[in-house]
Amino acid sequence: MALIRNRLGLLVLGVLVTFVLYLLLPAIQHERFPARAGSPKPQPRAEKSQREANATILTGTVAGSPAVSYREGFLLQRAGTPSPNRLEVVLLHGQAFTSKTWEELGTLALLTEEGYRAVALDLPGYGQSPPSDAVSTEQGRVAFLQWVLKELGLRRPVLISPSMSGRYAVPFVLRHGAQLRGFVPIAPVGTQEYPAQQYQQVQTPTLIISGERDTSLGAQSLQSLRQLPKHRAVVLPDAGHACYLEKPREFHEALLTFLGELP
């Protein structure tokens, strides 16, 4: 009798452990998968209902020279559920940050759950991307962004560029603004290096974001970027240079409003 009770207890324990693992399974994220642009991404089994879609983050590396790593939001939902839209968003990062910042802030998951394709890059020399001499010049940085967009199959995305990444984004917009559906500069560097005439020729819809307390770079970039014909400026109250980190709710609200109004 005691042996039967022991076996029964072990059976019940096994069932409980299996049930707990089943509940936790959807929350387990894929930390890394090797990927080349254009290669099919792994399709996780969807256990959520249509109204309970859940976003996870997949990471990969675009092969090439220079190699670049990225994080992309992936929506776990019942097969066949249509996305509200497929506008693509590319997120760059500041000098003290990486693509991981957008994951930790919840931006990648939020954009994905809203139906956008969201991709955050590790610029060369940051995160999992190795340094590269190819981006030591302005021409090289512009060519780098063109190459990444092509390799990841991104067509007319919205480009989000905080701080240091302005070295890549600003000259790209001035030269190839027609390749973007929108531009979201967040106190980017280097804006004062270009004349007003160059800005005035760009027709890319732009949302300029800065922090109220960023009276140096934020104010300087705002002055230059206001020369863009199709711009709107949002100043986040009581926020410094990394205003999107200090005021994430306000930042996300402004960003989603802008994306939702793009033609």
C-alpha atoms as a PDB file:
ATOM      1  CA  MET A   1       0.000   0.000   0.000  1.00  0.00           C
ATOM      2  CA  ALA A   2       2.816   2.413   0.892  1.00  0.00           C
ATOM      3  CA  LEU A   3       4.506   1.663  -2.442  1.00  0.00           C
ATOM      4  CA  ILE A   4       1.304   2.482  -4.334  1.00  0.00           C
ATOM      5  CA  ARG A   5       0.934   5.776  -2.439  1.00  0.00           C
ATOM      6  CA  ASN A   6       4.549   6.698  -3.255  1.00  0.00           C
ATOM      7  CA  ARG A   7       4.065   5.986  -6.947  1.00  0.00           C
ATOM      8  CA  LEU A   8       0.825   7.937  -6.985  1.00  0.00           C
ATOM      9  CA  GLY A   9       2.566  10.900  -5.339  1.00  0.00           C
ATOM     10  CA  LEU A  10       5.347  10.861  -7.928  1.00  0.00           C
ATOM     11  CA  LEU A  11       2.784  10.726 -10.720  1.00  0.00           C
ATOM     12  CA  VAL A  12       0.916  13.750  -9.358  1.00  0.00           C
ATOM     13  CA  LEU A  13       4.199  15.658  -8.940  1.00  0.00           C
ATOM     14  CA  GLY A  14       5.164  14.908 -12.533  1.00  0.00           C
ATOM     15  CA  VAL A  15       1.812  16.174 -13.812  1.00  0.00           C
ATOM     16  CA  LEU A  16       2.197  19.418 -11.810  1.00  0.00           C
ATOM     17  CA  VAL A  17       5.727  20.051 -13.152  1.00  0.00           C
ATOM     18  CA  THR A  18       4.540  19.447 -16.733  1.00  0.00           C
ATOM     19  CA  PHE A  19       1.626  21.875 -16.245  1.00  0.00           C
ATOM     20  CA  VAL A  20       3.900  24.621 -14.852  1.00  0.00           C
ATOM     21  CA  LEU A  21       6.338  24.241 -17.770  1.00  0.00           C
ATOM     22  CA  TYR A  22       3.413  24.457 -20.198  1.00  0.00           C
ATOM     23  CA  LEU A  23       2.298  27.756 -18.665  1.00  0.00           C
ATOM     24  CA  LEU A  24       5.797  29.238 -18.799  1.00  0.00           C
ATOM     25  CA  LEU A  25       6.595  28.119 -22.341  1.00  0.00           C
ATOM     26  CA  PRO A  26       5.095  31.149 -24.222  1.00  0.00           C
ATOM     27  CA  ALA A  27       7.179  33.531 -22.120  1.00  0.00           C
ATOM     28  CA  ILE A  28      10.462  31.895 -23.091  1.00  0.00           C
ATOM     29  CA  GLN A  29      12.219  34.048 -25.656  1.00  0.00           C
ATOM     30  CA  HIS A  30      14.662  32.943 -28.336  1.00  0.00           C
ATOM     31  CA  GLU A  31      17.969  34.556 -27.354  1.00  0.00           C
ATOM     32  CA  ARG A  32      19.787  34.036 -30.634  1.00  0.00           C
ATOM     33  CA  PHE A  33      19.376  32.494 -34.034  1.00  0.00           C
ATOM     34  CA  PRO A  34      21.744  32.702 -37.006  1.00  0.00           C
ATOM     35  CA  ALA A  35      20.136  34.450 -39.944  1.00  0.00           C
ATOM     36  CA  ARG A  36      20.909  35.889 -43.308  1.00  0.00           C
ATOM     37  CA  ALA A  37      18.779  38.512 -44.942  1.00  0.00           C
ATOM     38  CA  GLY A  38      15.959  36.931 -46.853  1.00  0.00           C
ATOM     39  CA  SER A  39      16.232  33.604 -45.026  1.00  0.00           C
ATOM     40  CA  PRO A  40      13.009  32.356 -43.406  1.00  0.00           C
ATOM     41  CA  LYS A  41      12.806  33.052 -39.703  1.00  0.00           C
ATOM     42  CA  PRO A  42      11.777  30.327 -37.265  1.00  0.00           C
ATOM     43  CA  GLN A  43       8.041  30.319 -36.664  1.00  0.00           C
ATOM     44  CA  PRO A  44       7.299  29.714 -32.970  1.00  0.00           C
ATOM     45  CA  ARG A  45       4.159  27.757 -32.233  1.00  0.00           C
ATOM     46  CA  ALA A  46       1.391  30.172 -31.342  1.00  0.00           C
ATOM     47  CA  GLU A  47      -0.524  29.318 -28.193  1.00  0.00           C
ATOM     48  CA  LYS A  48      -2.240  32.695 -27.804  1.00  0.00           C
ATOM     49  CA  SER A  49      -5.682  33.593 -29.087  1.00  0.00           C
ATOM     50  CA  GLN A  50      -6.147  36.368 -31.643  1.00  0.00           C
ATOM     51  CA  ARG A  51      -6.847  38.886 -28.876  1.00  0.00           C
ATOM     52  CA  GLU A  52      -3.879  37.708 -26.815  1.00  0.00           C
ATOM     53  CA  ALA A  53      -1.067  38.165 -29.322  1.00  0.00           C
ATOM     54  CA  ASN A  54       2.324  38.330 -27.623  1.00  0.00           C
ATOM     55  CA  ALA A  55       5.593  39.811 -28.890  1.00  0.00           C
ATOM     56  CA  THR A  56       8.987  38.238 -28.430  1.00  0.00           C
ATOM     57  CA  ILE A  57      12.407  39.359 -29.650  1.00  0.00           C
ATOM     58  CA  LEU A  58      14.537  37.369 -32.066  1.00  0.00           C
ATOM     59  CA  THR A  59      18.163  38.255 -32.750  1.00  0.00           C
ATOM     60  CA  GLY A  60      20.351  37.567 -35.741  1.00  0.00           C
ATOM     61  CA  THR A  61      23.385  38.617 -37.731  1.00  0.00           C
ATOM     62  CA  VAL A  62      23.451  39.851 -41.292  1.00  0.00           C
ATOM     63  CA  ALA A  63      26.424  38.221 -42.969  1.00  0.00           C
ATOM     64  CA  GLY A  64      28.668  40.478 -44.997  1.00  0.00           C
ATOM     65  CA  SER A  65      31.326  43.114 -44.615  1.00  0.00           C
ATOM     66  CA  PRO A  66      30.821  44.694 -42.182  1.00  0.00           C
ATOM     67  CA  ALA A  67      28.689  42.159 -40.349  1.00  0.00           C
ATOM     68  CA  VAL A  68      25.922  43.684 -38.276  1.00  0.00           C
ATOM     69  CA  SER A  69      23.701  42.213 -35.578  1.00  0.00           C
ATOM     70  CA  TYR A  70      20.093  43.150 -35.038  1.00  0.00           C
ATOM     71  CA  ARG A  71      17.020  42.473 -32.926  1.00  0.00           C
ATOM     72  CA  GLU A  72      13.604  42.088 -34.452  1.00  0.00           C
ATOM     73  CA  GLY A  73      10.200  41.856 -32.831  1.00  0.00           C
ATOM     74  CA  PHE A  74       8.163  38.770 -33.654  1.00  0.00           C
ATOM     75  CA  LEU A  75       4.449  38.456 -33.018  1.00  0.00           C
ATOM     76  CA  LEU A  76       3.187  35.227 -31.495  1.00  0.00           C
ATOM     77  CA  GLN A  77      -0.413  34.879 -32.603  1.00  0.00           C
ATOM     78  CA  ARG A  78      -2.802  32.390 -34.093  1.00  0.00           C
ATOM     79  CA  ALA A  79      -1.807  31.471 -37.631  1.00  0.00           C
ATOM     80  CA  GLY A  80      -3.724  33.418 -40.225  1.00  0.00           C
ATOM     81  CA  THR A  81      -4.405  36.475 -38.079  1.00  0.00           C
ATOM     82  CA  PRO A  82      -3.689  39.531 -40.266  1.00  0.00           C
ATOM     83  CA  SER A  83      -1.457  42.345 -39.018  1.00  0.00           C
ATOM     84  CA  PRO A  84      -3.078  45.807 -38.878  1.00  0.00           C
ATOM     85  CA  ASN A  85      -0.300  47.105 -41.136  1.00  0.00           C
ATOM     86  CA  ARG A  86       3.243  46.281 -42.125  1.00  0.00           C
ATOM     87  CA  LEU A  87       4.978  49.631 -41.862  1.00  0.00           C
ATOM     88  CA  GLU A  88       8.640  48.976 -41.098  1.00  0.00           C
ATOM     89  CA  VAL A  89      10.604  50.775 -38.384  1.00  0.00           C
ATOM     90  CA  VAL A  90      14.396  50.781 -38.016  1.00  0.00           C
ATOM     91  CA  LEU A  91      15.844  51.842 -34.661  1.00  0.00           C
ATOM     92  CA  LEU A  92      19.424  53.058 -34.293  1.00  0.00           C
ATOM     93  CA  HIS A  93      21.016  53.876 -30.926  1.00  0.00           C
ATOM     94  CA  GLY A  94      23.145  56.395 -29.057  1.00  0.00           C
ATOM     95  CA  GLN A  95      26.796  56.098 -28.084  1.00  0.00           C
ATOM     96  CA  ALA A  96      26.198  54.581 -24.645  1.00  0.00           C
ATOM     97  CA  PHE A  97      23.558  52.133 -25.876  1.00  0.00           C
ATOM     98  CA  THR A  98      22.875  49.222 -28.238  1.00  0.00           C
ATOM     99  CA  SER A  99      19.908  47.529 -29.871  1.00  0.00           C
ATOM    100  CA  LYS A 100      19.260  45.906 -26.480  1.00  0.00           C
ATOM    101  CA  THR A 101      18.130  49.314 -25.197  1.00  0.00           C
ATOM    102  CA  TRP A 102      15.027  49.213 -27.403  1.00  0.00           C
ATOM    103  CA  GLU A 103      14.200  45.731 -26.155  1.00  0.00           C
ATOM    104  CA  GLU A 104      14.574  46.706 -22.502  1.00  0.00           C
ATOM    105  CA  LEU A 105      12.528  49.872 -23.008  1.00  0.00           C
ATOM    106  CA  GLY A 106       9.728  47.817 -24.536  1.00  0.00           C
ATOM    107  CA  THR A 107       9.785  49.703 -27.833  1.00  0.00           C
ATOM    108  CA  LEU A 108      10.411  46.653 -30.016  1.00  0.00           C
ATOM    109  CA  ALA A 109       7.595  44.686 -28.390  1.00  0.00           C
ATOM    110  CA  LEU A 110       5.192  47.642 -28.497  1.00  0.00           C
ATOM    111  CA  LEU A 111       5.770  48.343 -32.187  1.00  0.00           C
ATOM    112  CA  THR A 112       5.455  44.659 -33.020  1.00  0.00           C
ATOM    113  CA  GLU A 113       2.191  44.291 -31.118  1.00  0.00           C
ATOM    114  CA  GLU A 114       0.874  47.344 -32.975  1.00  0.00           C
ATOM    115  CA  GLY A 115       1.480  45.507 -36.243  1.00  0.00           C
ATOM    116  CA  TYR A 116       4.717  47.164 -37.354  1.00  0.00           C
ATOM    117  CA  ARG A 117       7.881  45.346 -38.354  1.00  0.00           C
ATOM    118  CA  ALA A 118      10.447  46.690 -35.879  1.00  0.00           C
ATOM    119  CA  VAL A 119      14.191  46.113 -36.289  1.00  0.00           C
ATOM    120  CA  ALA A 120      16.885  47.515 -33.978  1.00  0.00           C
ATOM    121  CA  LEU A 121      20.498  47.537 -35.199  1.00  0.00           C
ATOM    122  CA  ASP A 122      23.813  47.276 -33.401  1.00  0.00           C
ATOM    123  CA  LEU A 123      25.915  49.836 -35.258  1.00  0.00           C
ATOM    124  CA  PRO A 124      29.514  48.784 -36.055  1.00  0.00           C
ATOM    125  CA  GLY A 125      31.591  48.663 -32.881  1.00  0.00           C
ATOM    126  CA  TYR A 126      28.558  48.403 -30.582  1.00  0.00           C
ATOM    127  CA  GLY A 127      26.700  45.464 -29.099  1.00  0.00           C
ATOM    128  CA  GLN A 128      27.335  42.329 -31.126  1.00  0.00           C
ATOM    129  CA  SER A 129      28.532  44.173 -34.259  1.00  0.00           C
ATOM    130  CA  PRO A 130      32.311  44.266 -34.754  1.00  0.00           C
ATOM    131  CA  PRO A 131      34.093  47.551 -35.536  1.00  0.00           C
ATOM    132  CA  SER A 132      34.551  48.420 -39.195  1.00  0.00           C
ATOM    133  CA  ASP A 133      36.744  50.898 -41.033  1.00  0.00           C
ATOM    134  CA  ALA A 134      34.025  51.095 -43.674  1.00  0.00           C
ATOM    135  CA  VAL A 135      32.023  53.537 -41.509  1.00  0.00           C
ATOM    136  CA  SER A 136      34.906  55.897 -40.752  1.00  0.00           C
ATOM    137  CA  THR A 137      33.612  58.377 -43.349  1.00  0.00           C
ATOM    138  CA  GLU A 138      30.243  59.968 -43.975  1.00  0.00           C
ATOM    139  CA  GLN A 139      29.985  58.277 -47.343  1.00  0.00           C
ATOM    140  CA  GLY A 140      30.745  54.936 -45.717  1.00  0.00           C
ATOM    141  CA  ARG A 141      28.084  55.404 -43.048  1.00  0.00           C
ATOM    142  CA  VAL A 142      25.438  56.282 -45.627  1.00  0.00           C
ATOM    143  CA  ALA A 143      26.440  53.258 -47.714  1.00  0.00           C
ATOM    144  CA  PHE A 144      26.281  51.100 -44.579  1.00  0.00           C
ATOM    145  CA  LEU A 145      22.641  52.050 -43.920  1.00  0.00           C
ATOM    146  CA  GLN A 146      21.728  51.462 -47.558  1.00  0.00           C
ATOM    147  CA  TRP A 147      23.325  48.030 -47.405  1.00  0.00           C
ATOM    148  CA  VAL A 148      21.540  47.048 -44.176  1.00  0.00           C
ATOM    149  CA  LEU A 149      18.135  48.140 -45.464  1.00  0.00           C
ATOM    150  CA  LYS A 150      18.657  46.131 -48.631  1.00  0.00           C
ATOM    151  CA  GLU A 151      19.957  43.005 -46.897  1.00  0.00           C
ATOM    152  CA  LEU A 152      17.104  42.954 -44.381  1.00  0.00           C
ATOM    153  CA  GLY A 153      14.533  43.565 -47.090  1.00  0.00           C
ATOM    154  CA  LEU A 154      13.397  46.874 -45.583  1.00  0.00           C
ATOM    155  CA  ARG A 155      11.617  49.074 -48.102  1.00  0.00           C
ATOM    156  CA  ARG A 156      10.868  52.691 -47.208  1.00  0.00           C
ATOM    157  CA  PRO A 157      11.048  52.220 -43.433  1.00  0.00           C
ATOM    158  CA  VAL A 158      10.754  54.844 -40.735  1.00  0.00           C
ATOM    159  CA  LEU A 159      14.224  55.597 -39.351  1.00  0.00           C
ATOM    160  CA  ILE A 160      14.593  56.399 -35.632  1.00  0.00           C
ATOM    161  CA  SER A 161      17.906  58.037 -34.751  1.00  0.00           C
ATOM    162  CA  PRO A 162      18.982  59.210 -31.295  1.00  0.00           C
ATOM    163  CA  SER A 163      22.175  61.105 -30.507  1.00  0.00           C
ATOM    164  CA  MET A 164      25.367  59.526 -31.923  1.00  0.00           C
ATOM    165  CA  SER A 165      23.491  57.647 -34.649  1.00  0.00           C
ATOM    166  CA  GLY A 166      22.817  61.011 -36.269  1.00  0.00           C
ATOM    167  CA  ARG A 167      26.230  60.538 -37.917  1.00  0.00           C
ATOM    168  CA  TYR A 168      24.521  57.815 -39.952  1.00  0.00           C
ATOM    169  CA  ALA A 169      20.931  59.012 -40.185  1.00  0.00           C
ATOM    170  CA  VAL A 170      21.209  62.730 -40.913  1.00  0.00           C
ATOM    171  CA  PRO A 171      23.388  62.460 -44.070  1.00  0.00           C
ATOM    172  CA  PHE A 172      21.305  59.477 -45.178  1.00  0.00           C
ATOM    173  CA  VAL A 173      18.101  61.512 -44.950  1.00  0.00           C
ATOM    174  CA  LEU A 174      19.674  64.464 -46.762  1.00  0.00           C
ATOM    175  CA  ARG A 175      20.860  62.229 -49.612  1.00  0.00           C
ATOM    176  CA  HIS A 176      18.242  59.489 -49.741  1.00  0.00           C
ATOM    177  CA  GLY A 177      15.206  60.818 -47.896  1.00  0.00           C
ATOM    178  CA  ALA A 178      12.932  59.434 -50.612  1.00  0.00           C
ATOM    179  CA  GLN A 179      13.938  55.928 -49.501  1.00  0.00           C
ATOM    180  CA  LEU A 180      12.299  56.522 -46.112  1.00  0.00           C
ATOM    181  CA  ARG A 181       8.651  56.764 -45.210  1.00  0.00           C
ATOM    182  CA  GLY A 182       9.446  58.768 -42.109  1.00  0.00           C
ATOM    183  CA  PHE A 183      12.268  60.067 -39.928  1.00  0.00           C
ATOM    184  CA  VAL A 184      12.359  60.369 -36.121  1.00  0.00           C
ATOM    185  CA  PRO A 185      15.519  62.206 -34.952  1.00  0.00           C
ATOM    186  CA  ILE A 186      16.013  62.357 -31.177  1.00  0.00           C
ATOM    187  CA  ALA A 187      18.615  65.055 -30.500  1.00  0.00           C
ATOM    188  CA  PRO A 188      20.997  63.655 -33.146  1.00  0.00           C
ATOM    189  CA  VAL A 189      24.571  64.846 -33.494  1.00  0.00           C
ATOM    190  CA  GLY A 190      26.033  66.589 -36.533  1.00  0.00           C
ATOM    191  CA  THR A 191      22.965  68.519 -37.649  1.00  0.00           C
ATOM    192  CA  GLN A 192      24.782  71.870 -37.677  1.00  0.00           C
ATOM    193  CA  GLU A 193      27.212  70.608 -40.322  1.00  0.00           C
ATOM    194  CA  TYR A 194      24.694  71.030 -43.145  1.00  0.00           C
ATOM    195  CA  PRO A 195      23.201  74.217 -44.618  1.00  0.00           C
ATOM    196  CA  ALA A 196      19.522  75.078 -44.425  1.00  0.00           C
ATOM    197  CA  GLN A 197      19.196  74.610 -48.190  1.00  0.00           C
ATOM    198  CA  GLN A 198      19.934  70.888 -47.903  1.00  0.00           C
ATOM    199  CA  TYR A 199      17.305  70.396 -45.221  1.00  0.00           C
ATOM    200  CA  GLN A 200      14.716  72.343 -47.184  1.00  0.00           C
ATOM    201  CA  GLN A 201      14.990  69.933 -50.123  1.00  0.00           C
ATOM    202  CA  VAL A 202      13.977  66.896 -48.032  1.00  0.00           C
ATOM    203  CA  GLN A 203      10.315  65.879 -48.249  1.00  0.00           C
ATOM    204  CA  THR A 204      10.432  63.040 -45.706  1.00  0.00           C
ATOM    205  CA  PRO A 205       7.801  63.383 -42.934  1.00  0.00           C
ATOM    206  CA  THR A 206       9.752  63.988 -39.730  1.00  0.00           C
ATOM    207  CA  LEU A 207       8.990  63.852 -36.009  1.00  0.00           C
ATOM    208  CA  ILE A 208      11.658  65.770 -34.090  1.00  0.00           C
ATOM    209  CA  ILE A 209      11.854  64.654 -30.450  1.00  0.00           C
ATOM    210  CA  SER A 210      13.939  66.238 -27.706  1.00  0.00           C
ATOM    211  CA  GLY A 211      13.964  66.628 -23.942  1.00  0.00           C
ATOM    212  CA  GLU A 212      13.015  69.869 -22.241  1.00  0.00           C
ATOM    213  CA  ARG A 213      16.206  69.835 -20.154  1.00  0.00           C
ATOM    214  CA  ASP A 214      18.477  69.027 -23.106  1.00  0.00           C
ATOM    215  CA  THR A 215      19.480  72.639 -23.702  1.00  0.00           C
ATOM    216  CA  SER A 216      22.675  71.804 -25.579  1.00  0.00           C
ATOM    217  CA  LEU A 217      22.461  69.100 -28.249  1.00  0.00           C
ATOM    218  CA  GLY A 218      18.679  68.879 -28.127  1.00  0.00           C
ATOM    219  CA  ALA A 219      18.190  72.604 -28.705  1.00  0.00           C
ATOM    220  CA  GLN A 220      20.931  72.726 -31.328  1.00  0.00           C
ATOM    221  CA  SER A 221      19.576  69.850 -33.390  1.00  0.00           C
ATOM    222  CA  LEU A 222      16.031  71.174 -33.120  1.00  0.00           C
ATOM    223  CA  GLN A 223      17.137  74.483 -34.606  1.00  0.00           C
ATOM    224  CA  SER A 224      18.698  72.739 -37.616  1.00  0.00           C
ATOM    225  CA  LEU A 225      16.031  70.107 -38.163  1.00  0.00           C
ATOM    226  CA  ARG A 226      13.250  72.676 -38.164  1.00  0.00           C
ATOM    227  CA  GLN A 227      14.440  73.510 -41.684  1.00  0.00           C
ATOM    228  CA  LEU A 228      12.860  70.231 -42.853  1.00  0.00           C
ATOM    229  CA  PRO A 229       9.615  71.189 -44.655  1.00  0.00           C
ATOM    230  CA  LYS A 230       7.475  68.320 -43.343  1.00  0.00           C
ATOM    231  CA  HIS A 231       8.371  68.283 -39.672  1.00  0.00           C
ATOM    232  CA  ARG A 232       6.628  68.247 -36.332  1.00  0.00           C
ATOM    233  CA  ALA A 233       8.483  68.872 -33.061  1.00  0.00           C
ATOM    234  CA  VAL A 234       7.704  67.266 -29.704  1.00  0.00           C
ATOM    235  CA  VAL A 235       9.537  68.351 -26.553  1.00  0.00           C
ATOM    236  CA  LEU A 236       9.180  65.853 -23.702  1.00  0.00           C
ATOM    237  CA  PRO A 237       8.695  67.740 -20.411  1.00  0.00           C
ATOM    238  CA  ASP A 238      11.258  67.435 -17.624  1.00  0.00           C
ATOM    239  CA  ALA A 239      13.486  65.125 -19.684  1.00  0.00           C
ATOM    240  CA  GLY A 240      17.174  65.319 -20.564  1.00  0.00           C
ATOM    241  CA  HIS A 241      19.208  64.164 -23.548  1.00  0.00           C
ATOM    242  CA  ALA A 242      18.067  60.512 -23.483  1.00  0.00           C
ATOM    243  CA  CYS A 243      14.464  61.701 -23.207  1.00  0.00           C
ATOM    244  CA  TYR A 244      12.990  58.444 -24.542  1.00  0.00           C
ATOM    245  CA  LEU A 245      14.507  56.603 -21.557  1.00  0.00           C
ATOM    246  CA  GLU A 246      13.322  59.142 -18.994  1.00  0.00           C
ATOM    247  CA  LYS A 247       9.826  59.532 -20.423  1.00  0.00           C
ATOM    248  CA  PRO A 248       9.065  56.257 -22.231  1.00  0.00           C
ATOM    249  CA  ARG A 249       5.284  56.567 -22.053  1.00  0.00           C
ATOM    250  CA  GLU A 250       5.272  60.042 -23.580  1.00  0.00           C
ATOM    251  CA  PHE A 251       7.862  58.996 -26.156  1.00  0.00           C
ATOM    252  CA  HIS A 252       5.884  55.941 -27.219  1.00  0.00           C
ATOM    253  CA  GLU A 253       2.640  57.922 -27.443  1.00  0.00           C
ATOM    254  CA  ALA A 254       4.249  60.533 -29.698  1.00  0.00           C
ATOM    255  CA  LEU A 255       5.885  57.855 -31.860  1.00  0.00           C
ATOM    256  CA  LEU A 256       2.711  55.795 -32.329  1.00  0.00           C
ATOM    257  CA  THR A 257       0.717  58.907 -33.196  1.00  0.00           C
ATOM    258  CA  PHE A 258       3.291  59.873 -35.832  1.00  0.00           C
ATOM    259  CA  LEU A 259       3.397  56.368 -37.336  1.00  0.00           C
ATOM    260  CA  GLY A 260      -0.373  56.182 -37.434  1.00  0.00           C
ATOM    261  CA  GLU A 261      -0.628  59.415 -39.412  1.00  0.00           C
ATOM    262  CA  LEU A 262       1.933  58.551 -42.098  1.00  0.00           C
ATOM    263  CA  PRO A 263       0.480  58.284 -45.612  1.00  0.00           C
END
